[in-house]
Every structure is written in structure tokens, then in C-alpha cells.
C-alpha atoms as a PDB file:
ATOM      1  CA  MET A   1       4.398 -20.239  -7.987  1.00  0.00           C
ATOM      2  CA  GLY A   2       3.976 -16.847 -10.119  1.00  0.00           C
ATOM      3  CA  LYS A   3       1.492 -14.761  -9.757  1.00  0.00           C
ATOM      4  CA  ASP A   4      -0.943 -15.788 -12.806  1.00  0.00           C
ATOM      5  CA  ALA A   5      -1.129 -19.347 -10.626  1.00  0.00           C
ATOM      6  CA  LEU A   6      -2.209 -17.458  -7.834  1.00  0.00           C
ATOM      7  CA  GLY A   7      -4.858 -15.792 -10.297  1.00  0.00           C
ATOM      8  CA  LEU A   8      -6.084 -18.998 -11.864  1.00  0.00           C
ATOM      9  CA  LEU A   9      -5.677 -21.199  -7.979  1.00  0.00           C
ATOM     10  CA  GLY A  10      -8.312 -17.916  -6.494  1.00  0.00           C
ATOM     11  CA  GLY A  11     -10.296 -17.513  -9.504  1.00  0.00           C
ATOM     12  CA  MET A  12     -10.770 -21.491  -9.521  1.00  0.00           C
ATOM     13  CA  THR A  13     -11.545 -21.451  -5.836  1.00  0.00           C
ATOM     14  CA  LEU A  14     -14.009 -18.459  -6.053  1.00  0.00           C
ATOM     15  CA  GLY A  15     -16.154 -20.749  -8.843  1.00  0.00           C
ATOM     16  CA  CYS A  16     -16.555 -23.176  -6.883  1.00  0.00           C
ATOM     17  CA  ALA A  17     -17.642 -21.160  -3.854  1.00  0.00           C
ATOM     18  CA  GLY A  18     -20.254 -19.745  -5.750  1.00  0.00           C
ATOM     19  CA  TRP A  19     -21.479 -23.311  -7.423  1.00  0.00           C
ATOM     20  CA  PHE A  20     -21.290 -25.094  -4.410  1.00  0.00           C
ATOM     21  CA  GLY A  21     -22.013 -22.622  -1.703  1.00  0.00           C
ATOM     22  CA  GLY A  22     -24.763 -19.805  -3.678  1.00  0.00           C
ATOM     23  CA  PHE A  23     -23.546 -16.282  -3.564  1.00  0.00           C
ATOM     24  CA  GLY A  24     -23.228 -15.862   0.409  1.00  0.00           C
ATOM     25  CA  ALA A  25     -20.244 -17.565  -0.661  1.00  0.00           C
ATOM     26  CA  PHE A  26     -18.693 -16.506  -2.164  1.00  0.00           C
ATOM     27  CA  LEU A  27     -18.606 -12.747  -0.736  1.00  0.00           C
ATOM     28  CA  LEU A  28     -16.909 -15.002   1.494  1.00  0.00           C
ATOM     29  CA  VAL A  29     -14.881 -16.235  -0.056  1.00  0.00           C
ATOM     30  CA  ALA A  30     -13.639 -13.192  -1.858  1.00  0.00           C
ATOM     31  CA  ALA A  31     -13.654 -10.910   1.325  1.00  0.00           C
ATOM     32  CA  LEU A  32     -11.523 -13.332   2.711  1.00  0.00           C
ATOM     33  CA  GLY A  33      -8.973 -13.425  -0.597  1.00  0.00           C
ATOM     34  CA  GLY A  34      -9.035  -9.714  -0.050  1.00  0.00           C
ATOM     35  CA  LEU A  35      -8.041 -10.113   3.453  1.00  0.00           C
ATOM     36  CA  GLY A  36      -5.331 -12.730   2.448  1.00  0.00           C
ATOM     37  CA  TYR A  37      -3.563 -11.117  -0.889  1.00  0.00           C
ATOM     38  CA  ALA A  38      -3.487  -7.543   1.446  1.00  0.00           C
ATOM     39  CA  VAL A  39      -1.313  -8.979   4.491  1.00  0.00           C
ATOM     40  CA  GLY A  40       1.108 -10.830   2.245  1.00  0.00           C
ATOM     41  CA  GLY A  41       1.565  -8.013   0.068  1.00  0.00           C
ATOM     42  CA  PHE A  42       2.406  -6.176   4.039  1.00  0.00           C
ATOM     43  CA  LEU A  43       4.204  -9.391   4.651  1.00  0.00           C
ATOM     44  CA  GLU A  44       6.274  -8.797   1.644  1.00  0.00           C
ATOM     45  CA  ARG A  45       7.128  -5.589   1.645  1.00  0.00           C
ATOM     46  CA  GLY A  46       9.091  -6.131   4.822  1.00  0.00           C
ATOM     47  CA  GLY A  47       6.053  -6.243   7.399  1.00  0.00           C
ATOM     48  CA  ASP A  48       5.813  -8.154  10.614  1.00  0.00           C
ATOM     49  CA  LEU A  49       3.494  -9.632  11.805  1.00  0.00           C
ATOM     50  CA  ARG A  50       3.950  -8.020  15.497  1.00  0.00           C
ATOM     51  CA  ASP A  51       3.109  -4.876  12.951  1.00  0.00           C
ATOM     52  CA  LEU A  52      -0.372  -5.901  12.201  1.00  0.00           C
ATOM     53  CA  ARG A  53      -1.161  -6.923  16.037  1.00  0.00           C
ATOM     54  CA  ASP A  54      -0.190  -3.076  17.125  1.00  0.00           C
ATOM     55  CA  LEU A  55      -2.146  -1.588  14.925  1.00  0.00           C
ATOM     56  CA  ARG A  56      -5.021  -2.476  17.279  1.00  0.00           C
ATOM     57  CA  ASP A  57      -2.505  -1.284  19.971  1.00  0.00           C
ATOM     58  CA  LEU A  58      -3.759   2.805  18.679  1.00  0.00           C
ATOM     59  CA  ARG A  59      -7.093   3.038  19.264  1.00  0.00           C
ATOM     60  CA  ASP A  60      -5.441   2.903  22.673  1.00  0.00           C
ATOM     61  CA  LEU A  61      -3.548   6.200  21.711  1.00  0.00           C
ATOM     62  CA  ARG A  62      -7.550   7.854  21.985  1.00  0.00           C
ATOM     63  CA  ASP A  63      -6.463   7.920  25.642  1.00  0.00           C
ATOM     64  CA  LEU A  64      -3.289   9.335  25.837  1.00  0.00           C
ATOM     65  CA  ARG A  65      -4.977  12.838  23.797  1.00  0.00           C
ATOM     66  CA  GLY A  66      -6.880  13.964  27.764  1.00  0.00           C
ATOM     67  CA  PRO A  67     -10.523  14.822  27.949  1.00  0.00           C
ATOM     68  CA  GLN A  68     -12.588  15.569  25.693  1.00  0.00           C
ATOM     69  CA  VAL A  69     -13.509  19.245  25.744  1.00  0.00           C
ATOM     70  CA  PRO A  70     -17.304  19.891  24.138  1.00  0.00           C
ATOM     71  CA  ALA A  71     -18.207  21.663  21.272  1.00  0.00           C
ATOM     72  CA  ARG A  72     -20.017  25.417  21.968  1.00  0.00           C
ATOM     73  CA  GLY A  73     -23.077  25.841  22.031  1.00  0.00           C
ATOM     74  CA  ARG A  74     -24.435  22.638  22.162  1.00  0.00           C
ATOM     75  CA  ARG A  75     -25.744  21.242  24.909  1.00  0.00           C
END
């Protein structure tokens, strides 16, 4: 499917969501469509779903830095 057809499909989906579900549904569909577009682009460039899953594990790296020293002069 070409990019023009995907754009048409996305526009029609947003239009239907706005017509039948109101502005809140329009925003929800737009946000989920943007998320799907970003993940699809990542996978198309050679990324792997495991890479996306491992991104949340980066939060655990903060624990490896050791104890945080408070700034001087502030208590």
C-alpha cells in the first residue's frame, strides 16, 4: 500500500472518529495513529520490537550510577 493510500485511510479514520465520537475520540485516534506511525517507521528502518521493549529498561540504569549527592547549600 502506498503512502498516499495510507494517508487517505488515516484521514478517513480521523474524520469518522471526529464525526461519530466527537473531539475527544478524534484526539485519541490521532494520538494512537501517531504512535503507530512512529513504531512503524522504527520497524521499517530495521528496528526490532525487542529494542522497543528494552527502552523501558533504561530507567533501571539510573540505579547503577550510585548514590546521589545532594547539592551544597540546600537543605
